[in-house]
Amino acid sequence: MNIVQSIRLKTNDDLKRIAEAGKIIAAIFRELEKISLVEMTTHELDAFIESLILKHHARPSFKTVPNYHHATCLSVNDEVVHGIPSKKKKLKEGDIIKIDIGVVKNGYFADACRTFPVGHISERATRLIRIAKEALEIGLDQVRPNRKLGDIGFAIQTFVESHGYSVVRDFTGHGVGFAVHENPNVPHYGKKNTGLILREGLVLAIEPMINEGTEKVIILDDGWTAMTADGKLSAQFEHTVAVTKKGPLILTD
């Protein structure tokens, strides 16, 4: 079976159900905006987020990933993605943290990430976060019928590199909806008018990881945490989005 044959398009009813999971993530992000993250351990933050997911009668979807045992991925400063919550890792003023949340409700999955400032952060970190957020928005705008997968990556890469940053190559976005990860992979770099044709009902998690310096990453001995190879900062934003005849429909907003 090729990739096109393995992609399961979603019906309007499916989109409504994925959006139910997505709205829970959006609500959690709103709750996180209200609290101070300073002095909180990433273990405490993970436990708090899991409690909010359960209050919405849903489950943390990341716990369905083999050998992963947490509700979130929490990546601090030069950690790019897949940071493991830890009792030993305490957030401090000036940090930035990528909070990646997956939710499954009634068998439907949604995924989103935001980069949060911890207290007052530097202008350098603030600019990186802004560019990462705008990069996602530019990528989302390409999610339209008959565009191609490469258009998403091209738009993101062109924008990011024009501002002097780099796009991580080692990790991509992905299909989502009926499982945590589905086909197709969604690179955040690429060539215009190449790759899979976007069709109505396709649901993608687009999640560009934007680095201050090199796009190269190293994986720690825990087998999960990816860090920038040069120790510089990284920021990420992610939405679950559907291709519809009216254009992109964000399901985690």
Foldseek 3Di string as FASTA:
>chain_A
DDQVVFFDFADPVLLVQLLLQLQLLLVVVVVVVPDAQAFPFLQNVQVVSQVSLVVSVWGQQVCVPPPAHTSWAKAKFQFFTQHHGDPPGGDHAAIKIKTKGWIADPQWIWIKIAIDHRHDHDPVVVVQRVLQVVLVVQLQQQQEAFFFLQQSLCRSQVSQVVVPKGWAFPAFKAFGINHRHGDDTRGNHHDGPDHDGRHFRTKIKGKIKIWNDDSDWDDDPVRGTIGDPVSGGITMIIFIWGHDNVGIDTSND
